N, C-alpha and C. Protein backbone atom coordinates (compact mmCIF):
# COMPACT_ATOMS: atom_id res chain seq x y z
N MET A 1 9.36 -5.97 39.54
CA MET A 1 10.49 -5.81 38.63
C MET A 1 10.03 -5.44 37.23
N ASN A 2 8.73 -5.49 37.00
CA ASN A 2 8.21 -5.16 35.68
C ASN A 2 8.55 -3.72 35.29
N ARG A 3 8.45 -2.81 36.25
CA ARG A 3 8.76 -1.40 35.96
C ARG A 3 10.23 -1.24 35.61
N PHE A 4 11.10 -1.97 36.31
CA PHE A 4 12.53 -1.91 36.02
C PHE A 4 12.80 -2.39 34.60
N ASN A 5 12.12 -3.44 34.19
CA ASN A 5 12.28 -3.95 32.83
C ASN A 5 11.80 -2.94 31.80
N GLU A 6 10.76 -2.17 32.12
CA GLU A 6 10.31 -1.12 31.22
C GLU A 6 11.41 -0.08 31.00
N VAL A 7 12.10 0.29 32.08
CA VAL A 7 13.19 1.26 31.99
C VAL A 7 14.32 0.69 31.13
N LYS A 8 14.71 -0.55 31.39
CA LYS A 8 15.78 -1.18 30.62
C LYS A 8 15.42 -1.27 29.15
N ASP A 9 14.18 -1.68 28.86
CA ASP A 9 13.76 -1.82 27.46
C ASP A 9 13.79 -0.47 26.74
N LEU A 10 13.35 0.57 27.42
CA LEU A 10 13.36 1.90 26.80
C LEU A 10 14.79 2.35 26.50
N ILE A 11 15.68 2.13 27.42
CA ILE A 11 17.08 2.53 27.22
C ILE A 11 17.71 1.73 26.08
N LEU A 12 17.45 0.43 26.08
CA LEU A 12 18.01 -0.40 25.01
C LEU A 12 17.45 -0.02 23.64
N ALA A 13 16.20 0.39 23.61
CA ALA A 13 15.59 0.80 22.35
C ALA A 13 16.24 2.08 21.81
N LEU A 14 16.78 2.89 22.70
CA LEU A 14 17.40 4.15 22.28
C LEU A 14 18.86 3.99 21.88
N GLU A 15 19.45 2.85 22.15
CA GLU A 15 20.88 2.66 21.91
C GLU A 15 21.28 2.96 20.47
N GLY A 16 20.52 2.48 19.52
CA GLY A 16 20.85 2.72 18.11
C GLY A 16 20.78 4.19 17.75
N ASP A 17 19.80 4.90 18.28
CA ASP A 17 19.69 6.33 17.99
C ASP A 17 20.82 7.12 18.64
N PHE A 18 21.24 6.71 19.82
CA PHE A 18 22.40 7.37 20.45
C PHE A 18 23.62 7.22 19.56
N ASP A 19 23.84 6.02 19.05
CA ASP A 19 24.98 5.76 18.17
C ASP A 19 24.90 6.60 16.91
N LYS A 20 23.72 6.63 16.30
CA LYS A 20 23.55 7.40 15.07
C LYS A 20 23.77 8.89 15.32
N PHE A 21 23.30 9.39 16.46
CA PHE A 21 23.43 10.82 16.72
C PHE A 21 24.87 11.20 17.05
N TYR A 22 25.47 10.50 18.01
CA TYR A 22 26.80 10.91 18.48
C TYR A 22 27.93 10.50 17.54
N ASP A 23 27.81 9.34 16.91
CA ASP A 23 28.90 8.88 16.06
C ASP A 23 28.73 9.29 14.60
N LYS A 24 27.49 9.29 14.12
CA LYS A 24 27.27 9.57 12.70
C LYS A 24 26.66 10.95 12.45
N LYS A 25 26.42 11.69 13.54
CA LYS A 25 25.91 13.07 13.47
C LYS A 25 24.56 13.16 12.75
N ASN A 26 23.71 12.15 12.94
CA ASN A 26 22.38 12.12 12.33
C ASN A 26 21.43 12.95 13.21
N GLN A 27 20.98 14.07 12.69
CA GLN A 27 20.14 15.00 13.46
C GLN A 27 18.78 14.41 13.80
N ALA A 28 18.20 13.63 12.89
CA ALA A 28 16.89 13.01 13.16
C ALA A 28 16.99 12.04 14.32
N ALA A 29 18.11 11.35 14.43
CA ALA A 29 18.32 10.44 15.56
C ALA A 29 18.39 11.23 16.86
N GLY A 30 18.93 12.42 16.81
CA GLY A 30 18.98 13.28 17.99
C GLY A 30 17.58 13.63 18.48
N THR A 31 16.68 13.87 17.55
CA THR A 31 15.29 14.16 17.90
C THR A 31 14.66 12.95 18.58
N ARG A 32 14.94 11.77 18.05
CA ARG A 32 14.40 10.55 18.65
C ARG A 32 15.00 10.32 20.04
N VAL A 33 16.27 10.64 20.21
CA VAL A 33 16.92 10.52 21.53
C VAL A 33 16.23 11.45 22.52
N ARG A 34 16.00 12.68 22.12
CA ARG A 34 15.34 13.64 23.01
C ARG A 34 13.95 13.17 23.39
N LYS A 35 13.21 12.65 22.43
CA LYS A 35 11.87 12.14 22.70
C LYS A 35 11.93 10.95 23.66
N GLY A 36 12.85 10.05 23.41
CA GLY A 36 13.01 8.89 24.27
C GLY A 36 13.42 9.27 25.69
N MET A 37 14.28 10.26 25.81
CA MET A 37 14.70 10.70 27.14
C MET A 37 13.54 11.35 27.88
N GLN A 38 12.66 12.03 27.17
CA GLN A 38 11.47 12.60 27.81
C GLN A 38 10.56 11.48 28.30
N GLU A 39 10.42 10.43 27.50
CA GLU A 39 9.61 9.28 27.91
C GLU A 39 10.23 8.62 29.15
N LEU A 40 11.56 8.53 29.17
CA LEU A 40 12.26 7.97 30.32
C LEU A 40 12.02 8.81 31.56
N LYS A 41 12.07 10.11 31.40
CA LYS A 41 11.81 11.03 32.52
C LYS A 41 10.40 10.83 33.06
N ASN A 42 9.42 10.74 32.16
CA ASN A 42 8.03 10.54 32.59
C ASN A 42 7.85 9.19 33.27
N LEU A 43 8.48 8.16 32.74
CA LEU A 43 8.41 6.83 33.34
C LEU A 43 9.04 6.84 34.73
N ALA A 44 10.18 7.50 34.85
CA ALA A 44 10.85 7.60 36.15
C ALA A 44 9.96 8.31 37.16
N GLN A 45 9.28 9.34 36.75
CA GLN A 45 8.39 10.07 37.65
C GLN A 45 7.23 9.18 38.09
N GLU A 46 6.67 8.42 37.16
CA GLU A 46 5.58 7.50 37.50
C GLU A 46 6.05 6.48 38.53
N ILE A 47 7.25 5.95 38.32
CA ILE A 47 7.79 4.96 39.24
C ILE A 47 8.03 5.58 40.62
N ARG A 48 8.53 6.80 40.65
CA ARG A 48 8.78 7.48 41.93
C ARG A 48 7.48 7.62 42.71
N VAL A 49 6.42 8.02 42.03
CA VAL A 49 5.11 8.19 42.69
C VAL A 49 4.60 6.84 43.18
N GLU A 50 4.74 5.83 42.34
CA GLU A 50 4.29 4.48 42.71
C GLU A 50 5.04 3.97 43.94
N VAL A 51 6.35 4.14 43.96
CA VAL A 51 7.16 3.70 45.10
C VAL A 51 6.75 4.46 46.37
N GLN A 52 6.55 5.74 46.25
CA GLN A 52 6.16 6.55 47.41
C GLN A 52 4.80 6.10 47.94
N ASN A 53 3.86 5.80 47.06
CA ASN A 53 2.54 5.34 47.49
C ASN A 53 2.62 4.00 48.20
N VAL A 54 3.41 3.08 47.67
CA VAL A 54 3.58 1.77 48.30
C VAL A 54 4.25 1.93 49.65
N LYS A 55 5.24 2.79 49.70
CA LYS A 55 5.96 3.02 50.95
C LYS A 55 5.03 3.61 52.02
N ASN A 56 4.17 4.52 51.64
CA ASN A 56 3.27 5.17 52.59
C ASN A 56 2.16 4.22 53.06
N GLN A 57 1.80 3.24 52.24
CA GLN A 57 0.75 2.30 52.62
C GLN A 57 1.24 1.28 53.65
N GLY A 58 2.50 0.92 53.57
CA GLY A 58 2.98 -0.15 54.43
C GLY A 58 3.86 0.33 55.50
């Protein structure tokens, strides 16, 4: 469940930047959102590979 918590923590960390970008039209927050979403994408890919490896071993 540690990996799941990493995903949740990353999303929660981005919440303020989402608010600033969409509600207050802060462009710098949009850059941080894009960066965070890229990190989320990379983390998701790592988890997918990890799950596939565990599945193939057992």
